[in-house]
Amino acid sequence: MTTNMILAAQGQAGGGYSMIIMMVAIFAIMYFFMIRPQQKKQKEIRNFQNSIKEGTKVITAGGMYGTVRRVILEQNALELEVAKGVTITVDRNYVFADAASQQQK
């Protein structure tokens, strides 16, 4: 009878390790399938935002297409021409994509 209790107690102790292993596995899966790709995408966007030059066709976060007419470094902003003769000033952090590469897809 006591040997059965000892074996049962040992079985329960081993269950704690399997739970820890499962938690580590779930975290690893989440990291490689969710967190890491998102970090890569954010890095690409940041690199694009830092490389914007005059004449670049861009898409803003609000979905507006425009051509960069001037880069205002002091304000971290861009002056976009959205229609012939119509320019708007947009914060550089709200420009997410290159319109030329989006049209090719």
C-alpha atoms as a PDB file:
ATOM      1  CA  MET A   1       0.000   0.000   0.000  1.00  0.00           C
ATOM      2  CA  THR A   2       2.756   2.460   0.893  1.00  0.00           C
ATOM      3  CA  THR A   3       4.657   1.643  -2.291  1.00  0.00           C
ATOM      4  CA  ASN A   4       1.610   2.722  -4.279  1.00  0.00           C
ATOM      5  CA  MET A   5       1.556   6.037  -2.417  1.00  0.00           C
ATOM      6  CA  ILE A   6       5.268   6.569  -3.034  1.00  0.00           C
ATOM      7  CA  LEU A   7       4.881   5.842  -6.762  1.00  0.00           C
ATOM      8  CA  ALA A   8       1.887   8.170  -6.970  1.00  0.00           C
ATOM      9  CA  ALA A   9       3.830  10.949  -5.228  1.00  0.00           C
ATOM     10  CA  GLN A  10       6.736  10.501  -7.635  1.00  0.00           C
ATOM     11  CA  GLY A  11       4.376  10.690 -10.606  1.00  0.00           C
ATOM     12  CA  GLN A  12       2.945  13.971  -9.394  1.00  0.00           C
ATOM     13  CA  ALA A  13       6.416  15.477  -8.861  1.00  0.00           C
ATOM     14  CA  GLY A  14       7.375  14.716 -12.451  1.00  0.00           C
ATOM     15  CA  GLY A  15       4.272  16.524 -13.686  1.00  0.00           C
ATOM     16  CA  GLY A  16       5.706  19.875 -12.581  1.00  0.00           C
ATOM     17  CA  TYR A  17       8.654  19.556 -14.928  1.00  0.00           C
ATOM     18  CA  SER A  18       6.479  18.729 -17.898  1.00  0.00           C
ATOM     19  CA  MET A  19       4.383  21.824 -17.191  1.00  0.00           C
ATOM     20  CA  ILE A  20       7.498  24.008 -17.171  1.00  0.00           C
ATOM     21  CA  ILE A  21       8.705  22.425 -20.419  1.00  0.00           C
ATOM     22  CA  MET A  22       5.310  23.070 -22.033  1.00  0.00           C
ATOM     23  CA  MET A  23       5.363  26.732 -20.937  1.00  0.00           C
ATOM     24  CA  VAL A  24       8.863  27.196 -22.376  1.00  0.00           C
ATOM     25  CA  ALA A  25       7.780  25.542 -25.621  1.00  0.00           C
ATOM     26  CA  ILE A  26       4.708  27.791 -25.902  1.00  0.00           C
ATOM     27  CA  PHE A  27       6.820  30.898 -25.295  1.00  0.00           C
ATOM     28  CA  ALA A  28       9.355  29.772 -27.923  1.00  0.00           C
ATOM     29  CA  ILE A  29       6.587  29.188 -30.472  1.00  0.00           C
ATOM     30  CA  MET A  30       5.051  32.597 -29.741  1.00  0.00           C
ATOM     31  CA  TYR A  31       8.451  34.275 -30.076  1.00  0.00           C
ATOM     32  CA  PHE A  32       9.339  32.714 -33.425  1.00  0.00           C
ATOM     33  CA  PHE A  33       5.896  33.004 -35.018  1.00  0.00           C
ATOM     34  CA  MET A  34       4.615  36.307 -33.592  1.00  0.00           C
ATOM     35  CA  ILE A  35       7.152  38.523 -31.835  1.00  0.00           C
ATOM     36  CA  ARG A  36      10.201  38.101 -34.068  1.00  0.00           C
ATOM     37  CA  PRO A  37       8.414  38.735 -37.409  1.00  0.00           C
ATOM     38  CA  GLN A  38       6.757  41.848 -35.947  1.00  0.00           C
ATOM     39  CA  GLN A  39      10.129  43.191 -34.804  1.00  0.00           C
ATOM     40  CA  LYS A  40      11.566  42.586 -38.281  1.00  0.00           C
ATOM     41  CA  LYS A  41       8.664  44.438 -39.896  1.00  0.00           C
ATOM     42  CA  GLN A  42       9.062  47.400 -37.519  1.00  0.00           C
ATOM     43  CA  LYS A  43      12.785  47.537 -38.306  1.00  0.00           C
ATOM     44  CA  GLU A  44      12.061  47.600 -42.061  1.00  0.00           C
ATOM     45  CA  ILE A  45       9.551  50.432 -41.593  1.00  0.00           C
ATOM     46  CA  ARG A  46      12.020  52.412 -39.437  1.00  0.00           C
ATOM     47  CA  ASN A  47      14.770  51.972 -42.055  1.00  0.00           C
ATOM     48  CA  PHE A  48      12.381  53.113 -44.791  1.00  0.00           C
ATOM     49  CA  GLN A  49      11.312  56.174 -42.786  1.00  0.00           C
ATOM     50  CA  ASN A  50      14.941  57.159 -42.234  1.00  0.00           C
ATOM     51  CA  SER A  51      15.819  56.757 -45.927  1.00  0.00           C
ATOM     52  CA  ILE A  52      12.988  58.880 -47.369  1.00  0.00           C
ATOM     53  CA  LYS A  53      14.226  61.482 -49.865  1.00  0.00           C
ATOM     54  CA  GLU A  54      12.571  64.130 -51.984  1.00  0.00           C
ATOM     55  CA  GLY A  55      10.651  62.659 -54.895  1.00  0.00           C
ATOM     56  CA  THR A  56       9.799  59.390 -53.131  1.00  0.00           C
ATOM     57  CA  LYS A  57       6.199  58.251 -53.581  1.00  0.00           C
ATOM     58  CA  VAL A  58       4.799  57.186 -50.201  1.00  0.00           C
ATOM     59  CA  ILE A  59       1.641  56.004 -48.438  1.00  0.00           C
ATOM     60  CA  THR A  60       0.717  57.486 -45.055  1.00  0.00           C
ATOM     61  CA  ALA A  61      -0.905  55.693 -42.136  1.00  0.00           C
ATOM     62  CA  GLY A  62      -4.205  57.318 -43.099  1.00  0.00           C
ATOM     63  CA  GLY A  63      -4.016  55.814 -46.588  1.00  0.00           C
ATOM     64  CA  MET A  64      -3.062  58.991 -48.459  1.00  0.00           C
ATOM     65  CA  TYR A  65      -0.752  58.622 -51.432  1.00  0.00           C
ATOM     66  CA  GLY A  66       1.698  61.413 -52.092  1.00  0.00           C
ATOM     67  CA  THR A  67       5.112  62.446 -53.312  1.00  0.00           C
ATOM     68  CA  VAL A  68       7.673  63.835 -50.876  1.00  0.00           C
ATOM     69  CA  ARG A  69       8.485  67.430 -51.842  1.00  0.00           C
ATOM     70  CA  ARG A  70      10.558  68.385 -48.805  1.00  0.00           C
ATOM     71  CA  VAL A  71      12.057  66.677 -45.776  1.00  0.00           C
ATOM     72  CA  ILE A  72      11.896  68.885 -42.659  1.00  0.00           C
ATOM     73  CA  LEU A  73      14.533  67.446 -40.323  1.00  0.00           C
ATOM     74  CA  GLU A  74      13.991  69.953 -37.485  1.00  0.00           C
ATOM     75  CA  GLN A  75      10.363  68.865 -37.063  1.00  0.00           C
ATOM     76  CA  ASN A  76      10.857  65.234 -38.173  1.00  0.00           C
ATOM     77  CA  ALA A  77       8.204  65.880 -40.810  1.00  0.00           C
ATOM     78  CA  LEU A  78       7.642  65.556 -44.534  1.00  0.00           C
ATOM     79  CA  GLU A  79       5.893  67.837 -46.957  1.00  0.00           C
ATOM     80  CA  LEU A  80       3.807  65.688 -49.296  1.00  0.00           C
ATOM     81  CA  GLU A  81       2.196  66.688 -52.557  1.00  0.00           C
ATOM     82  CA  VAL A  82      -1.094  64.766 -52.651  1.00  0.00           C
ATOM     83  CA  ALA A  83      -2.494  66.512 -55.739  1.00  0.00           C
ATOM     84  CA  LYS A  84      -1.104  68.984 -58.244  1.00  0.00           C
ATOM     85  CA  GLY A  85      -0.349  72.094 -56.197  1.00  0.00           C
ATOM     86  CA  VAL A  86      -1.745  70.651 -52.937  1.00  0.00           C
ATOM     87  CA  THR A  87       0.829  69.922 -50.226  1.00  0.00           C
ATOM     88  CA  ILE A  88       0.380  68.721 -46.674  1.00  0.00           C
ATOM     89  CA  THR A  89       2.828  68.329 -43.797  1.00  0.00           C
ATOM     90  CA  VAL A  90       2.950  64.879 -42.226  1.00  0.00           C
ATOM     91  CA  ASP A  91       4.998  63.512 -39.342  1.00  0.00           C
ATOM     92  CA  ARG A  92       7.672  61.175 -40.691  1.00  0.00           C
ATOM     93  CA  ASN A  93       6.587  58.391 -38.293  1.00  0.00           C
ATOM     94  CA  TYR A  94       3.186  58.154 -40.042  1.00  0.00           C
ATOM     95  CA  VAL A  95       4.619  57.199 -43.420  1.00  0.00           C
ATOM     96  CA  PHE A  96       4.713  53.413 -43.656  1.00  0.00           C
ATOM     97  CA  ALA A  97       5.162  52.281 -47.231  1.00  0.00           C
ATOM     98  CA  ASP A  98       6.727  53.078 -50.560  1.00  0.00           C
ATOM     99  CA  ALA A  99       3.881  53.609 -53.042  1.00  0.00           C
ATOM    100  CA  ALA A 100       6.029  52.509 -55.992  1.00  0.00           C
ATOM    101  CA  SER A 101       6.693  49.086 -54.450  1.00  0.00           C
ATOM    102  CA  GLN A 102       3.004  48.682 -53.451  1.00  0.00           C
ATOM    103  CA  GLN A 103       1.821  49.248 -57.027  1.00  0.00           C
ATOM    104  CA  GLN A 104       4.195  46.595 -58.387  1.00  0.00           C
ATOM    105  CA  LYS A 105       2.663  43.854 -56.183  1.00  0.00           C
END
